[in-house]
């Protein structure tokens, strides 16, 4: 997820900790609740973003020429996003938070903290660090939290990397309990920015932008009338409800796709060969849990195929064709790089197919066997495609993130033969189900 979303999660968890700690005490009873709330807020934000500290050393290594663009892609969401790393982050953050609380007590001449304050900060540090890994799991980028014991990727395919409904769930509760005017102004500005992006970006349908705006107004009105404990509980409950709705939506969309694939018997691969569906990637539409952009990975004994489209989780309410029309975005993902064909199958209420591309299944296996760069890239690519660039080079990409000609986080041009590559993490290639891992 984006770091603002992570920070909002951390602030909600910090506010919940403050409310639980002070249920039967007042703000002026000499226990330093104000100091604890400040330390908790900082702990929540830092803990919720701590696994992303990998971007700092990745940037440093890149500036020193020790890491290339592919290496940076493979190392992000890597070792710092594991349960083993959490066992390091949690005691470090807990210790720093407890020390900061003690320092604030000494400087403000406040009586000693209750013995349980350290426990509250340990608990907060734990849940915020783990929340980062869990939130990153919910989108289609994925994480590998069990490394180094297992290098398998886990993809949640539920929530878009930036989801405005999560901001709507969190900000009103934080506004209700904010202790300073400056914080309230910052939160209002943040919510306004999120709503503005809902109207501005093409991925959000206009109807969804209207609904999320009205939902924000209604949630603000409702939450501000609650007590602080109820408000933060509503914020966390709303966050969980949003996540569950999107997870259910993408799950239903994937089920509808699998029920319909292969999508067109007339385009069966290599004549009569049986086609197997290896994966259905469902990227949730921001602000709209009923629609998902989908990519199917299919293969026969000799051919490999990618197909794009739109799927509806609730076709009786919103058809897949409406999802495709309403997104205000190009449905021909990656078509500018490949010889992709429009799918001729007519749209149904469940599925509106977009483009399809296929190639010999053996080609990528041969490329990965001859090029350590391609083999390294295969440790990330979940919907790989490739095309020749001259006689000695090949362009490879991941159709999940190849949405326009100029921008992609996973498109590279490599030499067809290369053996002197920098070491990369040992992630299990997402498409090892189609090609066994082979390194030159």
Foldseek 3Di string as FASTA:
>chain_A
DDLVLLLLQLLLLLLLLLCVVDVPHDCPPLQPSVLLSVLSSVLSSCLSCVLQCVVVVLVVCVVVVNADLLQSLQCGLAPSLAPVVLVVQLVVSLVVSVVSSVVVCVVVVGPDHDPCSSVSSSVSSNVSNNVNSVVVQQDQQFHQHHPPVAQETHHNLFAAPDALQLLLLRLLLCLLPPDDPVVNVVSVVVNVVSLVVLCVDLLHFPVLSVVSVVSSVVLNVVLNPDDNNVSSVSSVVSNVVSRVLRSLLQVLLVVLVVVCPVVDPVPPPPPPFDKDWPDKRWGARHSDSQKTWIWTWMDGPWKTKIWIWMFGSCLVVAFRVNSVVRSSADRCFPVVPDVWDADPRPGDRGIDTGIMDMDTLCVLVLQQQFAVSSLSLLLRAQQKDKDDDPDFKIWMAHSVARRDDPDGSRIDIDGSHDDDDDDHDPRDRNVCVSPPRHHD
